[in-house]
């Protein structure tokens, strides 16, 4: 889930989208630590790329805002307890 109140939502979204892409490309081929190192490197590069162009940045920000608004409206009728899934870590 993306938290719209974080200081850098764009970086967070890019990072999480890279997890989706990498899961398809390297699932079972790399350990989690190496995958995370690669994702962090790519998210820094992509973030800098998006930030380098004001029109590109504004487009990403608008698309993210739209998706956040859509996801919030989908959850309006769902109690908070049902929105949060917790696993027993014990």
PDB file of N, CA and C in Angstrom:
ATOM      1  N   UNK A   1       0.836  -1.178   0.000  1.00  0.00           N
ATOM      2  CA  UNK A   1       0.000   0.000   0.000  1.00  0.00           C
ATOM      3  C   UNK A   1       0.879   1.238   0.000  1.00  0.00           C
ATOM      4  N   UNK A   2       0.516   2.239  -0.725  1.00  0.00           N
ATOM      5  CA  UNK A   2       1.253   3.485  -0.791  1.00  0.00           C
ATOM      6  C   UNK A   2       0.617   4.483   0.162  1.00  0.00           C
ATOM      7  N   UNK A   3       1.420   5.086   0.997  1.00  0.00           N
ATOM      8  CA  UNK A   3       0.947   6.097   1.934  1.00  0.00           C
ATOM      9  C   UNK A   3       1.120   7.462   1.287  1.00  0.00           C
ATOM     10  N   UNK A   4       0.026   8.115   0.956  1.00  0.00           N
ATOM     11  CA  UNK A   4       0.064   9.423   0.311  1.00  0.00           C
ATOM     12  C   UNK A   4       0.622  10.525   1.181  1.00  0.00           C
ATOM     13  N   UNK A   5       0.842  10.256   2.449  1.00  0.00           N
ATOM     14  CA  UNK A   5       1.369  11.268   3.357  1.00  0.00           C
ATOM     15  C   UNK A   5       2.881  11.183   3.539  1.00  0.00           C
ATOM     16  N   UNK A   6       3.542  10.264   2.839  1.00  0.00           N
ATOM     17  CA  UNK A   6       4.987  10.162   2.979  1.00  0.00           C
ATOM     18  C   UNK A   6       5.644  11.342   2.295  1.00  0.00           C
ATOM     19  N   UNK A   7       6.884  11.618   2.684  1.00  0.00           N
ATOM     20  CA  UNK A   7       7.564  12.793   2.163  1.00  0.00           C
ATOM     21  C   UNK A   7       7.928  12.651   0.686  1.00  0.00           C
ATOM     22  N   UNK A   8       8.125  11.444   0.207  1.00  0.00           N
ATOM     23  CA  UNK A   8       8.477  11.254  -1.197  1.00  0.00           C
ATOM     24  C   UNK A   8       7.691  10.080  -1.773  1.00  0.00           C
ATOM     25  N   UNK A   9       6.457  10.339  -2.076  1.00  0.00           N
ATOM     26  CA  UNK A   9       5.572   9.304  -2.587  1.00  0.00           C
ATOM     27  C   UNK A   9       6.077   8.752  -3.911  1.00  0.00           C
ATOM     28  N   UNK A  10       6.627   9.615  -4.757  1.00  0.00           N
ATOM     29  CA  UNK A  10       7.136   9.165  -6.050  1.00  0.00           C
ATOM     30  C   UNK A  10       8.210   8.098  -5.873  1.00  0.00           C
ATOM     31  N   UNK A  11       9.169   8.346  -4.997  1.00  0.00           N
ATOM     32  CA  UNK A  11      10.235   7.363  -4.779  1.00  0.00           C
ATOM     33  C   UNK A  11       9.656   6.052  -4.242  1.00  0.00           C
ATOM     34  N   UNK A  12       8.706   6.159  -3.328  1.00  0.00           N
ATOM     35  CA  UNK A  12       8.073   4.969  -2.749  1.00  0.00           C
ATOM     36  C   UNK A  12       7.358   4.151  -3.827  1.00  0.00           C
ATOM     37  N   UNK A  13       6.605   4.823  -4.686  1.00  0.00           N
ATOM     38  CA  UNK A  13       5.874   4.134  -5.751  1.00  0.00           C
ATOM     39  C   UNK A  13       6.847   3.463  -6.714  1.00  0.00           C
ATOM     40  N   UNK A  14       7.881   4.179  -7.130  1.00  0.00           N
ATOM     41  CA  UNK A  14       8.873   3.587  -8.038  1.00  0.00           C
ATOM     42  C   UNK A  14       9.499   2.346  -7.413  1.00  0.00           C
ATOM     43  N   UNK A  15       9.845   2.442  -6.139  1.00  0.00           N
ATOM     44  CA  UNK A  15      10.469   1.317  -5.442  1.00  0.00           C
ATOM     45  C   UNK A  15       9.540   0.097  -5.440  1.00  0.00           C
ATOM     46  N   UNK A  16       8.292   0.311  -5.073  1.00  0.00           N
ATOM     47  CA  UNK A  16       7.350  -0.813  -4.997  1.00  0.00           C
ATOM     48  C   UNK A  16       7.019  -1.373  -6.377  1.00  0.00           C
ATOM     49  N   UNK A  17       6.933  -0.532  -7.392  1.00  0.00           N
ATOM     50  CA  UNK A  17       6.706  -1.028  -8.752  1.00  0.00           C
ATOM     51  C   UNK A  17       7.876  -1.883  -9.224  1.00  0.00           C
ATOM     52  N   UNK A  18       9.085  -1.508  -8.840  1.00  0.00           N
ATOM     53  CA  UNK A  18      10.252  -2.310  -9.195  1.00  0.00           C
ATOM     54  C   UNK A  18      10.197  -3.688  -8.538  1.00  0.00           C
ATOM     55  N   UNK A  19       9.643  -3.774  -7.334  1.00  0.00           N
ATOM     56  CA  UNK A  19       9.464  -5.089  -6.708  1.00  0.00           C
ATOM     57  C   UNK A  19       8.576  -5.973  -7.587  1.00  0.00           C
ATOM     58  N   UNK A  20       7.531  -5.391  -8.141  1.00  0.00           N
ATOM     59  CA  UNK A  20       6.629  -6.158  -9.006  1.00  0.00           C
ATOM     60  C   UNK A  20       7.375  -6.626 -10.254  1.00  0.00           C
ATOM     61  N   UNK A  21       8.102  -5.717 -10.886  1.00  0.00           N
ATOM     62  CA  UNK A  21       8.852  -6.068 -12.097  1.00  0.00           C
ATOM     63  C   UNK A  21       9.898  -7.131 -11.790  1.00  0.00           C
ATOM     64  N   UNK A  22      10.672  -6.931 -10.724  1.00  0.00           N
ATOM     65  CA  UNK A  22      11.730  -7.876 -10.400  1.00  0.00           C
ATOM     66  C   UNK A  22      11.180  -9.229  -9.984  1.00  0.00           C
ATOM     67  N   UNK A  23      10.017  -9.255  -9.366  1.00  0.00           N
ATOM     68  CA  UNK A  23       9.458 -10.548  -8.955  1.00  0.00           C
ATOM     69  C   UNK A  23       9.196 -11.425 -10.170  1.00  0.00           C
ATOM     70  N   UNK A  24       8.816 -10.815 -11.273  1.00  0.00           N
ATOM     71  CA  UNK A  24       8.581 -11.567 -12.503  1.00  0.00           C
ATOM     72  C   UNK A  24       9.890 -11.988 -13.174  1.00  0.00           C
ATOM     73  N   UNK A  25      10.903 -11.155 -13.077  1.00  0.00           N
ATOM     74  CA  UNK A  25      12.162 -11.413 -13.782  1.00  0.00           C
ATOM     75  C   UNK A  25      13.103 -12.357 -13.045  1.00  0.00           C
ATOM     76  N   UNK A  26      13.132 -12.227 -11.713  1.00  0.00           N
ATOM     77  CA  UNK A  26      14.171 -12.941 -10.964  1.00  0.00           C
ATOM     78  C   UNK A  26      13.620 -13.824  -9.851  1.00  0.00           C
ATOM     79  N   UNK A  27      12.328 -14.087  -9.864  1.00  0.00           N
ATOM     80  CA  UNK A  27      11.721 -14.894  -8.816  1.00  0.00           C
ATOM     81  C   UNK A  27      12.429 -16.243  -8.701  1.00  0.00           C
ATOM     82  N   UNK A  28      12.993 -16.500  -7.532  1.00  0.00           N
ATOM     83  CA  UNK A  28      13.676 -17.758  -7.289  1.00  0.00           C
ATOM     84  C   UNK A  28      15.105 -17.811  -7.794  1.00  0.00           C
ATOM     85  N   UNK A  29      15.562 -16.744  -8.445  1.00  0.00           N
ATOM     86  CA  UNK A  29      16.917 -16.747  -8.995  1.00  0.00           C
ATOM     87  C   UNK A  29      17.899 -15.951  -8.137  1.00  0.00           C
ATOM     88  N   UNK A  30      17.393 -14.974  -7.384  1.00  0.00           N
ATOM     89  CA  UNK A  30      18.238 -14.149  -6.518  1.00  0.00           C
ATOM     90  C   UNK A  30      17.703 -14.211  -5.094  1.00  0.00           C
ATOM     91  N   UNK A  31      18.582 -14.027  -4.132  1.00  0.00           N
ATOM     92  CA  UNK A  31      18.075 -13.955  -2.766  1.00  0.00           C
ATOM     93  C   UNK A  31      17.472 -12.566  -2.529  1.00  0.00           C
ATOM     94  N   UNK A  32      16.688 -12.434  -1.473  1.00  0.00           N
ATOM     95  CA  UNK A  32      15.962 -11.191  -1.196  1.00  0.00           C
ATOM     96  C   UNK A  32      16.890  -9.996  -1.008  1.00  0.00           C
ATOM     97  N   UNK A  33      18.044 -10.227  -0.384  1.00  0.00           N
ATOM     98  CA  UNK A  33      18.975  -9.121  -0.128  1.00  0.00           C
ATOM     99  C   UNK A  33      19.518  -8.566  -1.432  1.00  0.00           C
ATOM    100  N   UNK A  34      19.937  -9.424  -2.332  1.00  0.00           N
ATOM    101  CA  UNK A  34      20.464  -8.969  -3.614  1.00  0.00           C
ATOM    102  C   UNK A  34      19.378  -8.283  -4.438  1.00  0.00           C
ATOM    103  N   UNK A  35      18.177  -8.847  -4.400  1.00  0.00           N
ATOM    104  CA  UNK A  35      17.072  -8.221  -5.115  1.00  0.00           C
ATOM    105  C   UNK A  35      16.829  -6.808  -4.592  1.00  0.00           C
ATOM    106  N   UNK A  36      16.854  -6.631  -3.278  1.00  0.00           N
ATOM    107  CA  UNK A  36      16.621  -5.307  -2.688  1.00  0.00           C
ATOM    108  C   UNK A  36      17.728  -4.328  -3.082  1.00  0.00           C
ATOM    109  N   UNK A  37      18.970  -4.781  -3.105  1.00  0.00           N
ATOM    110  CA  UNK A  37      20.086  -3.920  -3.519  1.00  0.00           C
ATOM    111  C   UNK A  37      19.867  -3.430  -4.953  1.00  0.00           C
ATOM    112  N   UNK A  38      19.472  -4.338  -5.843  1.00  0.00           N
ATOM    113  CA  UNK A  38      19.214  -3.960  -7.233  1.00  0.00           C
ATOM    114  C   UNK A  38      18.043  -2.982  -7.342  1.00  0.00           C
ATOM    115  N   UNK A  39      16.996  -3.230  -6.594  1.00  0.00           N
ATOM    116  CA  UNK A  39      15.823  -2.362  -6.638  1.00  0.00           C
ATOM    117  C   UNK A  39      16.164  -0.968  -6.130  1.00  0.00           C
ATOM    118  N   UNK A  40      16.917  -0.875  -5.061  1.00  0.00           N
ATOM    119  CA  UNK A  40      17.308   0.437  -4.523  1.00  0.00           C
ATOM    120  C   UNK A  40      18.133   1.202  -5.557  1.00  0.00           C
ATOM    121  N   UNK A  41      19.061   0.503  -6.220  1.00  0.00           N
ATOM    122  CA  UNK A  41      19.873   1.158  -7.250  1.00  0.00           C
ATOM    123  C   UNK A  41      18.992   1.660  -8.396  1.00  0.00           C
ATOM    124  N   UNK A  42      18.083   0.816  -8.853  1.00  0.00           N
ATOM    125  CA  UNK A  42      17.200   1.215  -9.943  1.00  0.00           C
ATOM    126  C   UNK A  42      16.252   2.333  -9.516  1.00  0.00           C
ATOM    127  N   UNK A  43      15.733   2.274  -8.283  1.00  0.00           N
ATOM    128  CA  UNK A  43      14.774   3.317  -7.905  1.00  0.00           C
ATOM    129  C   UNK A  43      15.450   4.675  -7.800  1.00  0.00           C
ATOM    130  N   UNK A  44      16.716   4.710  -7.388  1.00  0.00           N
ATOM    131  CA  UNK A  44      17.450   5.991  -7.370  1.00  0.00           C
ATOM    132  C   UNK A  44      17.607   6.534  -8.789  1.00  0.00           C
ATOM    133  N   UNK A  45      17.979   5.659  -9.711  1.00  0.00           N
ATOM    134  CA  UNK A  45      18.151   6.070 -11.106  1.00  0.00           C
ATOM    135  C   UNK A  45      16.821   6.556 -11.696  1.00  0.00           C
ATOM    136  N   UNK A  46      15.750   5.781 -11.516  1.00  0.00           N
ATOM    137  CA  UNK A  46      14.447   6.163 -12.067  1.00  0.00           C
ATOM    138  C   UNK A  46      13.921   7.448 -11.444  1.00  0.00           C
ATOM    139  N   UNK A  47      14.111   7.590 -10.139  1.00  0.00           N
ATOM    140  CA  UNK A  47      13.666   8.805  -9.460  1.00  0.00           C
ATOM    141  C   UNK A  47      14.379  10.022 -10.051  1.00  0.00           C
ATOM    142  N   UNK A  48      15.691   9.923 -10.215  1.00  0.00           N
ATOM    143  CA  UNK A  48      16.450  11.037 -10.802  1.00  0.00           C
ATOM    144  C   UNK A  48      15.979  11.319 -12.228  1.00  0.00           C
ATOM    145  N   UNK A  49      15.701  10.261 -12.989  1.00  0.00           N
ATOM    146  CA  UNK A  49      15.221  10.411 -14.368  1.00  0.00           C
ATOM    147  C   UNK A  49      13.881  11.140 -14.405  1.00  0.00           C
ATOM    148  N   UNK A  50      12.953  10.741 -13.558  1.00  0.00           N
ATOM    149  CA  UNK A  50      11.634  11.381 -13.535  1.00  0.00           C
ATOM    150  C   UNK A  50      11.761  12.828 -13.057  1.00  0.00           C
ATOM    151  N   UNK A  51      12.567  13.067 -12.045  1.00  0.00           N
ATOM    152  CA  UNK A  51      12.723  14.418 -11.500  1.00  0.00           C
ATOM    153  C   UNK A  51      13.432  15.366 -12.468  1.00  0.00           C
ATOM    154  N   UNK A  52      14.211  14.835 -13.397  1.00  0.00           N
ATOM    155  CA  UNK A  52      14.983  15.675 -14.317  1.00  0.00           C
ATOM    156  C   UNK A  52      14.102  16.431 -15.313  1.00  0.00           C
ATOM    157  N   UNK A  53      12.883  16.000 -15.486  1.00  0.00           N
ATOM    158  CA  UNK A  53      11.969  16.640 -16.433  1.00  0.00           C
ATOM    159  C   UNK A  53      10.699  17.050 -15.690  1.00  0.00           C
ATOM    160  N   UNK A  54      10.438  18.343 -15.660  1.00  0.00           N
ATOM    161  CA  UNK A  54       9.242  18.807 -14.957  1.00  0.00           C
ATOM    162  C   UNK A  54       7.960  18.200 -15.528  1.00  0.00           C
ATOM    163  N   UNK A  55       7.775  18.171 -16.868  1.00  0.00           N
ATOM    164  CA  UNK A  55       6.550  17.533 -17.402  1.00  0.00           C
ATOM    165  C   UNK A  55       6.437  16.057 -17.008  1.00  0.00           C
ATOM    166  N   UNK A  56       7.566  15.343 -17.028  1.00  0.00           N
ATOM    167  CA  UNK A  56       7.564  13.928 -16.652  1.00  0.00           C
ATOM    168  C   UNK A  56       7.186  13.781 -15.180  1.00  0.00           C
ATOM    169  N   UNK A  57       7.780  14.617 -14.322  1.00  0.00           N
ATOM    170  CA  UNK A  57       7.480  14.566 -12.884  1.00  0.00           C
ATOM    171  C   UNK A  57       6.016  14.877 -12.628  1.00  0.00           C
ATOM    172  N   UNK A  58       5.502  15.907 -13.278  1.00  0.00           N
ATOM    173  CA  UNK A  58       4.102  16.283 -13.076  1.00  0.00           C
ATOM    174  C   UNK A  58       3.146  15.186 -13.543  1.00  0.00           C
ATOM    175  N   UNK A  59       3.506  14.513 -14.638  1.00  0.00           N
ATOM    176  CA  UNK A  59       2.667  13.414 -15.127  1.00  0.00           C
ATOM    177  C   UNK A  59       2.637  12.274 -14.114  1.00  0.00           C
ATOM    178  N   UNK A  60       3.811  11.878 -13.608  1.00  0.00           N
ATOM    179  CA  UNK A  60       3.867  10.822 -12.596  1.00  0.00           C
ATOM    180  C   UNK A  60       3.087  11.222 -11.346  1.00  0.00           C
ATOM    181  N   UNK A  61       3.265  12.455 -10.892  1.00  0.00           N
ATOM    182  CA  UNK A  61       2.560  12.902  -9.683  1.00  0.00           C
ATOM    183  C   UNK A  61       1.050  12.884  -9.885  1.00  0.00           C
ATOM    184  N   UNK A  62       0.590  13.290 -11.070  1.00  0.00           N
ATOM    185  CA  UNK A  62      -0.846  13.285 -11.348  1.00  0.00           C
ATOM    186  C   UNK A  62      -1.393  11.855 -11.391  1.00  0.00           C
ATOM    187  N   UNK A  63      -0.651  10.956 -12.028  1.00  0.00           N
ATOM    188  CA  UNK A  63      -1.097   9.559 -12.099  1.00  0.00           C
ATOM    189  C   UNK A  63      -1.126   8.908 -10.713  1.00  0.00           C
ATOM    190  N   UNK A  64      -0.136   9.201  -9.898  1.00  0.00           N
ATOM    191  CA  UNK A  64      -0.104   8.655  -8.534  1.00  0.00           C
ATOM    192  C   UNK A  64      -1.272   9.205  -7.723  1.00  0.00           C
ATOM    193  N   UNK A  65      -1.508  10.511  -7.821  1.00  0.00           N
ATOM    194  CA  UNK A  65      -2.626  11.123  -7.087  1.00  0.00           C
ATOM    195  C   UNK A  65      -3.955  10.508  -7.516  1.00  0.00           C
ATOM    196  N   UNK A  66      -4.116  10.268  -8.810  1.00  0.00           N
ATOM    197  CA  UNK A  66      -5.340   9.652  -9.321  1.00  0.00           C
ATOM    198  C   UNK A  66      -5.518   8.249  -8.750  1.00  0.00           C
ATOM    199  N   UNK A  67      -4.460   7.449  -8.753  1.00  0.00           N
ATOM    200  CA  UNK A  67      -4.549   6.082  -8.224  1.00  0.00           C
ATOM    201  C   UNK A  67      -4.834   6.086  -6.721  1.00  0.00           C
ATOM    202  N   UNK A  68      -4.218   7.001  -5.990  1.00  0.00           N
ATOM    203  CA  UNK A  68      -4.488   7.088  -4.553  1.00  0.00           C
ATOM    204  C   UNK A  68      -5.947   7.444  -4.301  1.00  0.00           C
ATOM    205  N   UNK A  69      -6.468   8.376  -5.076  1.00  0.00           N
ATOM    206  CA  UNK A  69      -7.873   8.767  -4.918  1.00  0.00           C
ATOM    207  C   UNK A  69      -8.799   7.590  -5.233  1.00  0.00           C
ATOM    208  N   UNK A  70      -8.477   6.860  -6.307  1.00  0.00           N
ATOM    209  CA  UNK A  70      -9.289   5.689  -6.674  1.00  0.00           C
ATOM    210  C   UNK A  70      -9.248   4.626  -5.582  1.00  0.00           C
ATOM    211  N   UNK A  71      -8.064   4.357  -5.048  1.00  0.00           N
ATOM    212  CA  UNK A  71      -7.952   3.315  -4.032  1.00  0.00           C
ATOM    213  C   UNK A  71      -8.650   3.722  -2.745  1.00  0.00           C
ATOM    214  N   UNK A  72      -8.600   5.001  -2.396  1.00  0.00           N
ATOM    215  CA  UNK A  72      -9.297   5.461  -1.190  1.00  0.00           C
ATOM    216  C   UNK A  72     -10.804   5.327  -1.356  1.00  0.00           C
ATOM    217  N   UNK A  73     -11.312   5.634  -2.545  1.00  0.00           N
ATOM    218  CA  UNK A  73     -12.759   5.526  -2.757  1.00  0.00           C
ATOM    219  C   UNK A  73     -13.211   4.066  -2.727  1.00  0.00           C
ATOM    220  N   UNK A  74     -12.341   3.152  -3.149  1.00  0.00           N
ATOM    221  CA  UNK A  74     -12.683   1.726  -3.104  1.00  0.00           C
ATOM    222  C   UNK A  74     -12.762   1.219  -1.671  1.00  0.00           C
ATOM    223  N   UNK A  75     -12.000   1.841  -0.776  1.00  0.00           N
ATOM    224  CA  UNK A  75     -11.947   1.379   0.607  1.00  0.00           C
ATOM    225  C   UNK A  75     -12.920   2.115   1.529  1.00  0.00           C
ATOM    226  N   UNK A  76     -13.658   3.085   1.000  1.00  0.00           N
ATOM    227  CA  UNK A  76     -14.564   3.874   1.836  1.00  0.00           C
ATOM    228  C   UNK A  76     -15.557   3.014   2.603  1.00  0.00           C
ATOM    229  N   UNK A  77     -16.041   1.939   1.997  1.00  0.00           N
ATOM    230  CA  UNK A  77     -17.057   1.100   2.625  1.00  0.00           C
ATOM    231  C   UNK A  77     -16.475  -0.080   3.396  1.00  0.00           C
ATOM    232  N   UNK A  78     -15.130  -0.174   3.445  1.00  0.00           N
ATOM    233  CA  UNK A  78     -14.482  -1.301   4.109  1.00  0.00           C
ATOM    234  C   UNK A  78     -13.957  -0.842   5.467  1.00  0.00           C
ATOM    235  N   UNK A  79     -14.368  -1.495   6.557  1.00  0.00           N
ATOM    236  CA  UNK A  79     -13.872  -1.112   7.874  1.00  0.00           C
ATOM    237  C   UNK A  79     -12.342  -1.217   7.937  1.00  0.00           C
ATOM    238  N   UNK A  80     -11.726  -0.344   8.711  1.00  0.00           N
ATOM    239  CA  UNK A  80     -10.271  -0.297   8.824  1.00  0.00           C
ATOM    240  C   UNK A  80      -9.699  -1.657   9.208  1.00  0.00           C
ATOM    241  N   UNK A  81     -10.377  -2.372  10.089  1.00  0.00           N
ATOM    242  CA  UNK A  81      -9.893  -3.677  10.527  1.00  0.00           C
ATOM    243  C   UNK A  81      -9.758  -4.650   9.359  1.00  0.00           C
ATOM    244  N   UNK A  82     -10.602  -4.512   8.357  1.00  0.00           N
ATOM    245  CA  UNK A  82     -10.554  -5.390   7.190  1.00  0.00           C
ATOM    246  C   UNK A  82      -9.548  -4.904   6.145  1.00  0.00           C
ATOM    247  N   UNK A  83      -9.154  -3.631   6.218  1.00  0.00           N
ATOM    248  CA  UNK A  83      -8.168  -3.093   5.285  1.00  0.00           C
ATOM    249  C   UNK A  83      -6.758  -3.523   5.656  1.00  0.00           C
ATOM    250  N   UNK A  84      -6.541  -3.789   6.934  1.00  0.00           N
ATOM    251  CA  UNK A  84      -5.209  -4.115   7.423  1.00  0.00           C
ATOM    252  C   UNK A  84      -5.134  -5.619   7.668  1.00  0.00           C
ATOM    253  N   UNK A  85      -4.191  -6.252   7.025  1.00  0.00           N
ATOM    254  CA  UNK A  85      -3.988  -7.680   7.207  1.00  0.00           C
ATOM    255  C   UNK A  85      -2.694  -7.835   7.982  1.00  0.00           C
ATOM    256  N   UNK A  86      -2.759  -8.522   9.101  1.00  0.00           N
ATOM    257  CA  UNK A  86      -1.581  -8.713   9.947  1.00  0.00           C
ATOM    258  C   UNK A  86      -1.280 -10.189  10.067  1.00  0.00           C
ATOM    259  N   UNK A  87      -0.013 -10.509  10.020  1.00  0.00           N
ATOM    260  CA  UNK A  87       0.407 -11.887  10.178  1.00  0.00           C
ATOM    261  C   UNK A  87       1.062 -12.039  11.547  1.00  0.00           C
ATOM    262  N   UNK A  88       0.799 -13.160  12.190  1.00  0.00           N
ATOM    263  CA  UNK A  88       1.413 -13.453  13.462  1.00  0.00           C
ATOM    264  C   UNK A  88       2.908 -13.711  13.237  1.00  0.00           C
ATOM    265  N   UNK A  89       3.751 -12.904  13.860  1.00  0.00           N
ATOM    266  CA  UNK A  89       5.187 -13.055  13.676  1.00  0.00           C
ATOM    267  C   UNK A  89       5.818 -13.870  14.781  1.00  0.00           C
ATOM    268  N   UNK A  90       5.003 -14.450  15.614  1.00  0.00           N
ATOM    269  CA  UNK A  90       5.517 -15.201  16.759  1.00  0.00           C
ATOM    270  C   UNK A  90       5.878 -16.588  16.503  1.00  0.00           C
TER     271      UNK A  90
END
